[in-house]
Amino acid sequence: MYSFTVTDPSGADAITFNADMIVREFTFENLLDVTLSGQKSVDYIVTVNADTGISEVKADAATFTLTLKNPCIDPNFVFIKPSVLLNHIYELHEHDPSGY
C-alpha cells in the first residue's frame, strides 16, 4: 500500500497520486490556487510511504522536495514581448455624456 504526506497539508492540493498497482504515478498540477506558490515559490516536503506484506509487514518511506513556482512572475512561464506599433491611427474624442 502506498500513500503520501506533505509537511504543509495545503501543498497536497497540487498533488495527485494514483496508487493503482500497475500505475503508481504522481501528478503535479497547480491550476486552481496560485497562492500555493507564494510570492515567488514555496517548497513542500513530500513523503512517500510504502507498506507491504500480510503476516510480516515491511514499511519504508522516501522524501522529495516539491517546489511550486508562481507562474505570474517566473519568466520561464510568462513573457511579454515588447513591440512597436506601426501604421496605427488612434482617434481621440472628447467624452460627451449628453449623447448617451
N, C-alpha and C. Protein backbone atom coordinates (compact mmCIF):
# COMPACT_ATOMS: atom_id res chain seq x y z
N MET A 1 0.84 -1.16 0.00
CA MET A 1 0.00 0.00 0.00
C MET A 1 0.89 1.24 0.00
N TYR A 2 0.53 2.20 -0.83
CA TYR A 2 1.30 3.43 -0.93
C TYR A 2 0.44 4.61 -0.50
N SER A 3 1.08 5.58 0.10
CA SER A 3 0.41 6.82 0.46
C SER A 3 1.46 7.92 0.48
N PHE A 4 1.01 9.16 0.64
CA PHE A 4 1.97 10.26 0.75
C PHE A 4 1.46 11.29 1.74
N THR A 5 2.39 12.01 2.31
CA THR A 5 2.06 13.13 3.20
C THR A 5 2.90 14.32 2.76
N VAL A 6 2.42 15.51 3.11
CA VAL A 6 3.12 16.75 2.77
C VAL A 6 3.28 17.54 4.07
N THR A 7 4.47 18.12 4.28
CA THR A 7 4.73 18.85 5.52
C THR A 7 3.68 19.93 5.77
N ASP A 8 3.33 20.66 4.74
CA ASP A 8 2.25 21.65 4.82
C ASP A 8 1.07 21.05 4.06
N PRO A 9 0.02 20.61 4.74
CA PRO A 9 -1.08 19.91 4.08
C PRO A 9 -1.71 20.66 2.91
N SER A 10 -1.60 22.00 2.87
CA SER A 10 -2.18 22.73 1.74
C SER A 10 -1.49 22.36 0.43
N GLY A 11 -0.21 21.96 0.50
CA GLY A 11 0.52 21.56 -0.70
C GLY A 11 -0.03 20.30 -1.34
N ALA A 12 -0.77 19.50 -0.57
CA ALA A 12 -1.36 18.27 -1.11
C ALA A 12 -2.40 18.58 -2.19
N ASP A 13 -2.92 19.81 -2.22
CA ASP A 13 -3.89 20.19 -3.25
C ASP A 13 -3.27 20.18 -4.65
N ALA A 14 -1.96 20.26 -4.74
CA ALA A 14 -1.29 20.28 -6.03
C ALA A 14 -0.78 18.89 -6.44
N ILE A 15 -1.08 17.87 -5.63
CA ILE A 15 -0.56 16.53 -5.87
C ILE A 15 -1.69 15.52 -6.01
N THR A 16 -1.58 14.69 -7.02
CA THR A 16 -2.49 13.55 -7.16
C THR A 16 -1.60 12.31 -7.25
N PHE A 17 -1.97 11.27 -6.51
CA PHE A 17 -1.20 10.03 -6.56
C PHE A 17 -2.14 8.90 -6.93
N ASN A 18 -1.84 8.24 -8.04
CA ASN A 18 -2.60 7.07 -8.48
C ASN A 18 -1.88 5.84 -7.92
N ALA A 19 -2.46 5.24 -6.88
CA ALA A 19 -1.82 4.11 -6.20
C ALA A 19 -2.16 2.77 -6.83
N ASP A 20 -2.79 2.78 -7.99
CA ASP A 20 -3.09 1.53 -8.69
C ASP A 20 -1.81 0.71 -8.84
N MET A 21 -1.90 -0.58 -8.58
CA MET A 21 -0.71 -1.45 -8.58
C MET A 21 0.07 -1.39 -9.89
N ILE A 22 -0.59 -1.13 -11.00
CA ILE A 22 0.09 -1.08 -12.29
C ILE A 22 0.64 0.32 -12.57
N VAL A 23 -0.04 1.35 -12.09
CA VAL A 23 0.32 2.72 -12.43
C VAL A 23 1.30 3.34 -11.44
N ARG A 24 0.89 3.50 -10.20
CA ARG A 24 1.71 4.15 -9.16
C ARG A 24 2.38 5.41 -9.69
N GLU A 25 1.59 6.43 -9.88
CA GLU A 25 2.06 7.62 -10.57
C GLU A 25 1.65 8.89 -9.83
N PHE A 26 2.61 9.81 -9.69
CA PHE A 26 2.35 11.13 -9.15
C PHE A 26 2.03 12.08 -10.30
N THR A 27 1.09 12.98 -10.07
CA THR A 27 0.80 14.07 -11.00
C THR A 27 0.84 15.36 -10.18
N PHE A 28 1.56 16.34 -10.69
CA PHE A 28 1.68 17.63 -10.02
C PHE A 28 1.01 18.69 -10.89
N GLU A 29 0.05 19.38 -10.32
CA GLU A 29 -0.69 20.38 -11.09
C GLU A 29 -1.24 21.42 -10.13
N ASN A 30 -1.01 22.67 -10.45
CA ASN A 30 -1.47 23.75 -9.58
C ASN A 30 -2.22 24.78 -10.43
N LEU A 31 -3.41 24.41 -10.88
CA LEU A 31 -4.18 25.30 -11.73
C LEU A 31 -5.22 26.11 -10.97
N LEU A 32 -5.58 25.67 -9.78
CA LEU A 32 -6.72 26.27 -9.09
C LEU A 32 -6.37 27.27 -8.00
N ASP A 33 -5.14 27.22 -7.48
CA ASP A 33 -4.82 28.09 -6.34
C ASP A 33 -3.38 28.58 -6.43
N VAL A 34 -3.19 29.73 -7.06
CA VAL A 34 -1.84 30.26 -7.23
C VAL A 34 -1.21 30.65 -5.89
N THR A 35 -2.01 30.81 -4.84
CA THR A 35 -1.44 31.15 -3.53
C THR A 35 -0.59 30.02 -2.96
N LEU A 36 -0.74 28.80 -3.47
CA LEU A 36 0.11 27.70 -3.01
C LEU A 36 1.58 27.94 -3.35
N SER A 37 1.83 28.80 -4.34
CA SER A 37 3.21 29.07 -4.75
C SER A 37 3.78 30.33 -4.12
N GLY A 38 3.02 31.01 -3.27
CA GLY A 38 3.53 32.18 -2.58
C GLY A 38 3.87 33.32 -3.52
N GLN A 39 4.67 34.27 -3.05
CA GLN A 39 5.06 35.42 -3.86
C GLN A 39 5.98 35.01 -5.01
N LYS A 40 6.93 34.10 -4.72
CA LYS A 40 7.86 33.63 -5.76
C LYS A 40 7.78 32.13 -5.91
N SER A 41 7.97 31.40 -4.80
CA SER A 41 7.88 29.94 -4.83
C SER A 41 7.77 29.43 -3.40
N VAL A 42 7.28 28.20 -3.27
CA VAL A 42 7.17 27.55 -1.97
C VAL A 42 7.65 26.11 -2.13
N ASP A 43 8.48 25.66 -1.19
CA ASP A 43 8.94 24.27 -1.16
C ASP A 43 8.07 23.45 -0.22
N TYR A 44 7.63 22.30 -0.69
CA TYR A 44 6.87 21.36 0.12
C TYR A 44 7.66 20.05 0.19
N ILE A 45 7.80 19.52 1.39
CA ILE A 45 8.47 18.24 1.56
C ILE A 45 7.39 17.15 1.48
N VAL A 46 7.54 16.26 0.51
CA VAL A 46 6.58 15.18 0.28
C VAL A 46 7.23 13.88 0.72
N THR A 47 6.52 13.11 1.52
CA THR A 47 7.00 11.80 1.96
C THR A 47 6.11 10.74 1.35
N VAL A 48 6.72 9.80 0.65
CA VAL A 48 6.01 8.66 0.07
C VAL A 48 6.20 7.49 1.01
N ASN A 49 5.09 6.90 1.46
CA ASN A 49 5.12 5.78 2.39
C ASN A 49 4.69 4.51 1.67
N ALA A 50 5.37 3.42 1.97
CA ALA A 50 5.04 2.13 1.36
C ALA A 50 5.00 1.05 2.43
N ASP A 51 3.94 0.26 2.42
CA ASP A 51 3.80 -0.89 3.31
C ASP A 51 3.52 -2.11 2.45
N THR A 52 4.13 -3.25 2.81
CA THR A 52 3.89 -4.48 2.08
C THR A 52 3.91 -5.65 3.05
N GLY A 53 3.26 -6.73 2.67
CA GLY A 53 3.24 -7.93 3.49
C GLY A 53 1.93 -8.10 4.23
N ILE A 54 1.65 -9.35 4.61
CA ILE A 54 0.43 -9.65 5.36
C ILE A 54 0.80 -10.07 6.78
N SER A 55 1.54 -11.15 6.91
CA SER A 55 1.91 -11.58 8.26
C SER A 55 3.15 -10.84 8.77
N GLU A 56 4.03 -10.51 7.86
CA GLU A 56 5.22 -9.73 8.23
C GLU A 56 5.22 -8.44 7.41
N VAL A 57 4.80 -7.37 8.03
CA VAL A 57 4.68 -6.09 7.33
C VAL A 57 6.03 -5.39 7.30
N LYS A 58 6.38 -4.92 6.12
CA LYS A 58 7.59 -4.13 5.95
C LYS A 58 7.16 -2.75 5.49
N ALA A 59 7.78 -1.74 6.05
CA ALA A 59 7.44 -0.36 5.70
C ALA A 59 8.70 0.40 5.35
N ASP A 60 8.54 1.35 4.46
CA ASP A 60 9.65 2.21 4.08
C ASP A 60 9.08 3.56 3.65
N ALA A 61 9.92 4.55 3.59
CA ALA A 61 9.49 5.88 3.19
C ALA A 61 10.63 6.59 2.49
N ALA A 62 10.28 7.48 1.60
CA ALA A 62 11.25 8.32 0.90
C ALA A 62 10.67 9.71 0.78
N THR A 63 11.54 10.71 0.80
CA THR A 63 11.06 12.09 0.70
C THR A 63 11.66 12.78 -0.52
N PHE A 64 10.95 13.80 -0.98
CA PHE A 64 11.48 14.67 -2.02
C PHE A 64 10.89 16.06 -1.80
N THR A 65 11.52 17.05 -2.40
CA THR A 65 11.06 18.42 -2.28
C THR A 65 10.32 18.81 -3.56
N LEU A 66 9.09 19.26 -3.38
CA LEU A 66 8.28 19.76 -4.48
C LEU A 66 8.29 21.29 -4.39
N THR A 67 8.78 21.95 -5.43
CA THR A 67 8.80 23.41 -5.46
C THR A 67 7.71 23.90 -6.41
N LEU A 68 6.77 24.67 -5.87
CA LEU A 68 5.74 25.29 -6.69
C LEU A 68 6.14 26.73 -6.93
N LYS A 69 6.37 27.07 -8.21
CA LYS A 69 6.76 28.43 -8.57
C LYS A 69 5.53 29.23 -8.98
N ASN A 70 5.55 30.50 -8.62
CA ASN A 70 4.47 31.38 -9.02
C ASN A 70 4.61 31.65 -10.52
N PRO A 71 3.67 31.18 -11.34
CA PRO A 71 3.82 31.34 -12.79
C PRO A 71 3.63 32.78 -13.26
N CYS A 72 3.07 33.63 -12.41
CA CYS A 72 2.81 35.01 -12.81
C CYS A 72 4.08 35.85 -12.85
N ILE A 73 5.13 35.43 -12.16
CA ILE A 73 6.35 36.24 -12.13
C ILE A 73 7.56 35.48 -12.65
N ASP A 74 7.40 34.21 -12.99
CA ASP A 74 8.52 33.41 -13.46
C ASP A 74 8.68 33.61 -14.97
N PRO A 75 9.80 34.18 -15.43
CA PRO A 75 9.98 34.44 -16.86
C PRO A 75 10.04 33.16 -17.70
N ASN A 76 10.20 32.01 -17.07
CA ASN A 76 10.15 30.76 -17.83
C ASN A 76 8.72 30.39 -18.22
N PHE A 77 7.73 31.01 -17.55
CA PHE A 77 6.34 30.71 -17.85
C PHE A 77 5.62 31.89 -18.51
N VAL A 78 5.97 33.10 -18.10
CA VAL A 78 5.29 34.29 -18.61
C VAL A 78 6.32 35.20 -19.24
N PHE A 79 6.05 35.60 -20.45
CA PHE A 79 6.96 36.51 -21.14
C PHE A 79 6.12 37.47 -21.96
N ILE A 80 6.33 38.75 -21.75
CA ILE A 80 5.64 39.77 -22.53
C ILE A 80 6.66 40.38 -23.47
N LYS A 81 6.45 40.17 -24.74
CA LYS A 81 7.40 40.67 -25.74
C LYS A 81 6.99 42.09 -26.14
N PRO A 82 7.85 43.06 -25.87
CA PRO A 82 7.51 44.42 -26.29
C PRO A 82 7.56 44.52 -27.81
N SER A 83 6.66 45.31 -28.34
CA SER A 83 6.67 45.51 -29.79
C SER A 83 6.35 46.96 -30.09
N VAL A 84 6.72 47.36 -31.27
CA VAL A 84 6.47 48.71 -31.73
C VAL A 84 5.22 48.68 -32.60
N LEU A 85 4.29 49.57 -32.32
CA LEU A 85 3.08 49.67 -33.12
C LEU A 85 3.33 50.64 -34.26
N LEU A 86 3.23 50.15 -35.47
CA LEU A 86 3.47 50.99 -36.64
C LEU A 86 2.18 51.11 -37.45
N ASN A 87 2.02 52.24 -38.09
CA ASN A 87 0.90 52.47 -39.00
C ASN A 87 -0.46 52.29 -38.34
N HIS A 88 -0.58 52.74 -37.14
CA HIS A 88 -1.87 52.69 -36.45
C HIS A 88 -2.33 54.13 -36.22
N ILE A 89 -3.59 54.34 -36.46
CA ILE A 89 -4.16 55.67 -36.24
C ILE A 89 -5.17 55.55 -35.10
N TYR A 90 -5.01 56.39 -34.11
CA TYR A 90 -5.91 56.40 -32.97
C TYR A 90 -6.64 57.74 -32.95
N GLU A 91 -7.95 57.68 -33.00
CA GLU A 91 -8.75 58.89 -32.95
C GLU A 91 -9.25 59.08 -31.53
N LEU A 92 -8.97 60.23 -30.98
CA LEU A 92 -9.41 60.54 -29.62
C LEU A 92 -10.51 61.58 -29.71
N HIS A 93 -11.58 61.32 -28.98
CA HIS A 93 -12.72 62.22 -28.98
C HIS A 93 -13.00 62.64 -27.56
N GLU A 94 -13.59 63.83 -27.45
CA GLU A 94 -14.00 64.30 -26.13
C GLU A 94 -15.20 63.52 -25.68
N HIS A 95 -15.19 63.13 -24.43
CA HIS A 95 -16.32 62.37 -23.87
C HIS A 95 -17.53 63.28 -23.76
N ASP A 96 -18.65 62.88 -24.35
CA ASP A 96 -19.86 63.69 -24.34
C ASP A 96 -21.00 62.89 -23.74
N PRO A 97 -21.18 62.99 -22.40
CA PRO A 97 -22.23 62.20 -21.75
C PRO A 97 -23.63 62.57 -22.20
N SER A 98 -23.84 63.75 -22.76
CA SER A 98 -25.20 64.13 -23.19
C SER A 98 -25.62 63.31 -24.41
N GLY A 99 -24.68 62.74 -25.12
CA GLY A 99 -25.02 61.94 -26.29
C GLY A 99 -25.43 60.51 -25.98
N TYR A 100 -25.44 60.16 -24.71
CA TYR A 100 -25.77 58.78 -24.34
C TYR A 100 -27.15 58.66 -23.78
